[in-house]
Amino acid sequence: MDGSDVARVYYEEKDLGRIIRNCEKDVITLTQVYIELTLKPPLREDEIISVS
């Protein structure tokens, strides 16, 4: 899913959970990129906490 799908998924499919999961994945990916660029060690799986 990308940003252009959000309205359809929300209004037509009524699937807010899918949008939340997608946003969480985006945040995790962006965080991992930032960590890599700042030469810090990558996060382990057990350090990543999802709220959904």
PDB file of N, CA and C in Angstrom:
ATOM      1  N   MET A   1       0.849  -1.172   0.000  1.00  0.00           N
ATOM      2  CA  MET A   1       0.000   0.000   0.000  1.00  0.00           C
ATOM      3  C   MET A   1       0.891   1.232   0.000  1.00  0.00           C
ATOM      4  N   ASP A   2       0.460   2.250  -0.725  1.00  0.00           N
ATOM      5  CA  ASP A   2       1.136   3.541  -0.638  1.00  0.00           C
ATOM      6  C   ASP A   2       0.106   4.606  -0.277  1.00  0.00           C
ATOM      7  N   GLY A   3       0.547   5.809  -0.159  1.00  0.00           N
ATOM      8  CA  GLY A   3      -0.324   6.883   0.300  1.00  0.00           C
ATOM      9  C   GLY A   3      -1.589   7.068  -0.524  1.00  0.00           C
ATOM     10  N   SER A   4      -1.506   6.757  -1.815  1.00  0.00           N
ATOM     11  CA  SER A   4      -2.684   6.933  -2.665  1.00  0.00           C
ATOM     12  C   SER A   4      -3.772   5.897  -2.377  1.00  0.00           C
ATOM     13  N   ASP A   5      -3.436   4.836  -1.654  1.00  0.00           N
ATOM     14  CA  ASP A   5      -4.407   3.789  -1.319  1.00  0.00           C
ATOM     15  C   ASP A   5      -5.144   4.045  -0.005  1.00  0.00           C
ATOM     16  N   VAL A   6      -4.652   4.956   0.799  1.00  0.00           N
ATOM     17  CA  VAL A   6      -5.177   5.130   2.158  1.00  0.00           C
ATOM     18  C   VAL A   6      -6.667   5.478   2.173  1.00  0.00           C
ATOM     19  N   ALA A   7      -7.086   6.421   1.366  1.00  0.00           N
ATOM     20  CA  ALA A   7      -8.500   6.821   1.376  1.00  0.00           C
ATOM     21  C   ALA A   7      -9.402   5.650   1.011  1.00  0.00           C
ATOM     22  N   ARG A   8      -9.027   4.902  -0.019  1.00  0.00           N
ATOM     23  CA  ARG A   8      -9.833   3.763  -0.436  1.00  0.00           C
ATOM     24  C   ARG A   8      -9.899   2.700   0.656  1.00  0.00           C
ATOM     25  N   VAL A   9      -8.758   2.386   1.233  1.00  0.00           N
ATOM     26  CA  VAL A   9      -8.716   1.355   2.280  1.00  0.00           C
ATOM     27  C   VAL A   9      -9.528   1.802   3.485  1.00  0.00           C
ATOM     28  N   TYR A  10      -9.478   3.071   3.822  1.00  0.00           N
ATOM     29  CA  TYR A  10     -10.209   3.560   4.980  1.00  0.00           C
ATOM     30  C   TYR A  10     -11.711   3.673   4.716  1.00  0.00           C
ATOM     31  N   TYR A  11     -12.071   4.354   3.636  1.00  0.00           N
ATOM     32  CA  TYR A  11     -13.490   4.638   3.388  1.00  0.00           C
ATOM     33  C   TYR A  11     -14.238   3.479   2.738  1.00  0.00           C
ATOM     34  N   GLU A  12     -13.579   2.734   1.857  1.00  0.00           N
ATOM     35  CA  GLU A  12     -14.268   1.654   1.162  1.00  0.00           C
ATOM     36  C   GLU A  12     -14.130   0.315   1.877  1.00  0.00           C
ATOM     37  N   GLU A  13     -12.934   0.001   2.342  1.00  0.00           N
ATOM     38  CA  GLU A  13     -12.696  -1.290   2.984  1.00  0.00           C
ATOM     39  C   GLU A  13     -12.871  -1.232   4.503  1.00  0.00           C
ATOM     40  N   LYS A  14     -12.913  -0.022   5.054  1.00  0.00           N
ATOM     41  CA  LYS A  14     -13.045   0.162   6.510  1.00  0.00           C
ATOM     42  C   LYS A  14     -11.968  -0.605   7.278  1.00  0.00           C
ATOM     43  N   ASP A  15     -10.738  -0.579   6.750  1.00  0.00           N
ATOM     44  CA  ASP A  15      -9.655  -1.383   7.317  1.00  0.00           C
ATOM     45  C   ASP A  15      -8.563  -0.491   7.906  1.00  0.00           C
ATOM     46  N   LEU A  16      -8.890   0.170   9.007  1.00  0.00           N
ATOM     47  CA  LEU A  16      -7.927   1.055   9.659  1.00  0.00           C
ATOM     48  C   LEU A  16      -6.705   0.275  10.132  1.00  0.00           C
ATOM     49  N   GLY A  17      -6.892  -0.960  10.556  1.00  0.00           N
ATOM     50  CA  GLY A  17      -5.771  -1.780  11.009  1.00  0.00           C
ATOM     51  C   GLY A  17      -4.708  -1.959   9.940  1.00  0.00           C
ATOM     52  N   ARG A  18      -5.133  -2.134   8.713  1.00  0.00           N
ATOM     53  CA  ARG A  18      -4.182  -2.283   7.599  1.00  0.00           C
ATOM     54  C   ARG A  18      -3.370  -1.012   7.421  1.00  0.00           C
ATOM     55  N   ILE A  19      -4.007   0.129   7.556  1.00  0.00           N
ATOM     56  CA  ILE A  19      -3.302   1.402   7.431  1.00  0.00           C
ATOM     57  C   ILE A  19      -2.293   1.549   8.571  1.00  0.00           C
ATOM     58  N   ILE A  20      -2.705   1.204   9.779  1.00  0.00           N
ATOM     59  CA  ILE A  20      -1.808   1.293  10.934  1.00  0.00           C
ATOM     60  C   ILE A  20      -0.592   0.401  10.738  1.00  0.00           C
ATOM     61  N   ARG A  21      -0.813  -0.841  10.324  1.00  0.00           N
ATOM     62  CA  ARG A  21       0.310  -1.772  10.110  1.00  0.00           C
ATOM     63  C   ARG A  21       1.261  -1.238   9.047  1.00  0.00           C
ATOM     64  N   ASN A  22       0.705  -0.672   7.983  1.00  0.00           N
ATOM     65  CA  ASN A  22       1.535  -0.119   6.922  1.00  0.00           C
ATOM     66  C   ASN A  22       2.371   1.053   7.436  1.00  0.00           C
ATOM     67  N   CYS A  23       1.760   1.933   8.211  1.00  0.00           N
ATOM     68  CA  CYS A  23       2.490   3.075   8.779  1.00  0.00           C
ATOM     69  C   CYS A  23       3.589   2.610   9.723  1.00  0.00           C
ATOM     70  N   GLU A  24       3.296   1.596  10.532  1.00  0.00           N
ATOM     71  CA  GLU A  24       4.312   1.065  11.442  1.00  0.00           C
ATOM     72  C   GLU A  24       5.506   0.524  10.661  1.00  0.00           C
ATOM     73  N   LYS A  25       5.245  -0.185   9.575  1.00  0.00           N
ATOM     74  CA  LYS A  25       6.335  -0.717   8.748  1.00  0.00           C
ATOM     75  C   LYS A  25       7.169   0.425   8.172  1.00  0.00           C
ATOM     76  N   ASP A  26       6.493   1.497   7.740  1.00  0.00           N
ATOM     77  CA  ASP A  26       7.213   2.658   7.209  1.00  0.00           C
ATOM     78  C   ASP A  26       8.111   3.285   8.268  1.00  0.00           C
ATOM     79  N   VAL A  27       7.611   3.418   9.478  1.00  0.00           N
ATOM     80  CA  VAL A  27       8.397   4.019  10.573  1.00  0.00           C
ATOM     81  C   VAL A  27       9.602   3.134  10.897  1.00  0.00           C
ATOM     82  N   ILE A  28       9.394   1.833  10.956  1.00  0.00           N
ATOM     83  CA  ILE A  28      10.499   0.913  11.241  1.00  0.00           C
ATOM     84  C   ILE A  28      11.557   1.001  10.147  1.00  0.00           C
ATOM     85  N   THR A  29      11.131   1.023   8.902  1.00  0.00           N
ATOM     86  CA  THR A  29      12.071   1.113   7.785  1.00  0.00           C
ATOM     87  C   THR A  29      12.857   2.414   7.839  1.00  0.00           C
ATOM     88  N   LEU A  30      12.173   3.526   8.056  1.00  0.00           N
ATOM     89  CA  LEU A  30      12.849   4.820   8.140  1.00  0.00           C
ATOM     90  C   LEU A  30      13.839   4.854   9.302  1.00  0.00           C
ATOM     91  N   THR A  31      13.450   4.274  10.427  1.00  0.00           N
ATOM     92  CA  THR A  31      14.340   4.215  11.586  1.00  0.00           C
ATOM     93  C   THR A  31      15.589   3.399  11.279  1.00  0.00           C
ATOM     94  N   GLN A  32      15.404   2.262  10.617  1.00  0.00           N
ATOM     95  CA  GLN A  32      16.553   1.420  10.264  1.00  0.00           C
ATOM     96  C   GLN A  32      17.496   2.147   9.301  1.00  0.00           C
ATOM     97  N   VAL A  33      16.940   2.898   8.356  1.00  0.00           N
ATOM     98  CA  VAL A  33      17.772   3.674   7.431  1.00  0.00           C
ATOM     99  C   VAL A  33      18.549   4.740   8.197  1.00  0.00           C
ATOM    100  N   TYR A  34      17.872   5.448   9.098  1.00  0.00           N
ATOM    101  CA  TYR A  34      18.553   6.475   9.899  1.00  0.00           C
ATOM    102  C   TYR A  34      19.694   5.862  10.718  1.00  0.00           C
ATOM    103  N   ILE A  35      19.411   4.734  11.354  1.00  0.00           N
ATOM    104  CA  ILE A  35      20.439   4.070  12.165  1.00  0.00           C
ATOM    105  C   ILE A  35      21.634   3.676  11.301  1.00  0.00           C
ATOM    106  N   GLU A  36      21.349   3.144  10.128  1.00  0.00           N
ATOM    107  CA  GLU A  36      22.428   2.755   9.207  1.00  0.00           C
ATOM    108  C   GLU A  36      23.257   3.974   8.796  1.00  0.00           C
ATOM    109  N   LEU A  37      22.589   5.070   8.476  1.00  0.00           N
ATOM    110  CA  LEU A  37      23.298   6.277   8.028  1.00  0.00           C
ATOM    111  C   LEU A  37      24.117   6.921   9.140  1.00  0.00           C
ATOM    112  N   THR A  38      23.719   6.724  10.380  1.00  0.00           N
ATOM    113  CA  THR A  38      24.466   7.297  11.503  1.00  0.00           C
ATOM    114  C   THR A  38      25.468   6.305  12.085  1.00  0.00           C
ATOM    115  N   LEU A  39      25.670   5.211  11.355  1.00  0.00           N
ATOM    116  CA  LEU A  39      26.686   4.201  11.693  1.00  0.00           C
ATOM    117  C   LEU A  39      26.476   3.553  13.057  1.00  0.00           C
ATOM    118  N   LYS A  40      25.238   3.447  13.458  1.00  0.00           N
ATOM    119  CA  LYS A  40      24.909   2.761  14.710  1.00  0.00           C
ATOM    120  C   LYS A  40      24.554   1.313  14.378  1.00  0.00           C
ATOM    121  N   PRO A  41      24.646   0.424  15.358  1.00  0.00           N
ATOM    122  CA  PRO A  41      24.275  -0.978  15.073  1.00  0.00           C
ATOM    123  C   PRO A  41      22.779  -1.092  14.809  1.00  0.00           C
ATOM    124  N   PRO A  42      22.384  -1.976  13.888  1.00  0.00           N
ATOM    125  CA  PRO A  42      20.956  -2.122  13.576  1.00  0.00           C
ATOM    126  C   PRO A  42      20.169  -2.648  14.765  1.00  0.00           C
ATOM    127  N   LEU A  43      18.883  -2.340  14.787  1.00  0.00           N
ATOM    128  CA  LEU A  43      18.015  -2.860  15.840  1.00  0.00           C
ATOM    129  C   LEU A  43      17.816  -4.356  15.649  1.00  0.00           C
ATOM    130  N   ARG A  44      17.757  -5.065  16.758  1.00  0.00           N
ATOM    131  CA  ARG A  44      17.410  -6.489  16.720  1.00  0.00           C
ATOM    132  C   ARG A  44      15.889  -6.599  16.670  1.00  0.00           C
ATOM    133  N   GLU A  45      15.367  -7.723  16.209  1.00  0.00           N
ATOM    134  CA  GLU A  45      13.928  -7.937  16.137  1.00  0.00           C
ATOM    135  C   GLU A  45      13.242  -7.694  17.478  1.00  0.00           C
ATOM    136  N   ASP A  46      13.875  -8.141  18.572  1.00  0.00           N
ATOM    137  CA  ASP A  46      13.251  -7.998  19.892  1.00  0.00           C
ATOM    138  C   ASP A  46      13.270  -6.565  20.415  1.00  0.00           C
ATOM    139  N   GLU A  47      13.956  -5.667  19.715  1.00  0.00           N
ATOM    140  CA  GLU A  47      13.966  -4.260  20.111  1.00  0.00           C
ATOM    141  C   GLU A  47      12.872  -3.446  19.406  1.00  0.00           C
ATOM    142  N   ILE A  48      12.205  -4.056  18.469  1.00  0.00           N
ATOM    143  CA  ILE A  48      11.157  -3.376  17.700  1.00  0.00           C
ATOM    144  C   ILE A  48       9.809  -3.773  18.291  1.00  0.00           C
ATOM    145  N   ILE A  49       9.074  -2.784  18.773  1.00  0.00           N
ATOM    146  CA  ILE A  49       7.785  -3.030  19.423  1.00  0.00           C
ATOM    147  C   ILE A  49       6.675  -2.410  18.596  1.00  0.00           C
ATOM    148  N   SER A  50       5.681  -3.212  18.275  1.00  0.00           N
ATOM    149  CA  SER A  50       4.540  -2.741  17.496  1.00  0.00           C
ATOM    150  C   SER A  50       3.378  -2.455  18.445  1.00  0.00           C
ATOM    151  N   VAL A  51       2.619  -1.400  18.150  1.00  0.00           N
ATOM    152  CA  VAL A  51       1.484  -1.061  19.004  1.00  0.00           C
ATOM    153  C   VAL A  51       0.185  -1.670  18.507  1.00  0.00           C
ATOM    154  N   SER A  52       0.201  -2.214  17.305  1.00  0.00           N
ATOM    155  CA  SER A  52      -1.046  -2.773  16.774  1.00  0.00           C
ATOM    156  C   SER A  52      -1.231  -4.227  17.148  1.00  0.00           C
TER     157      SER A  52
END
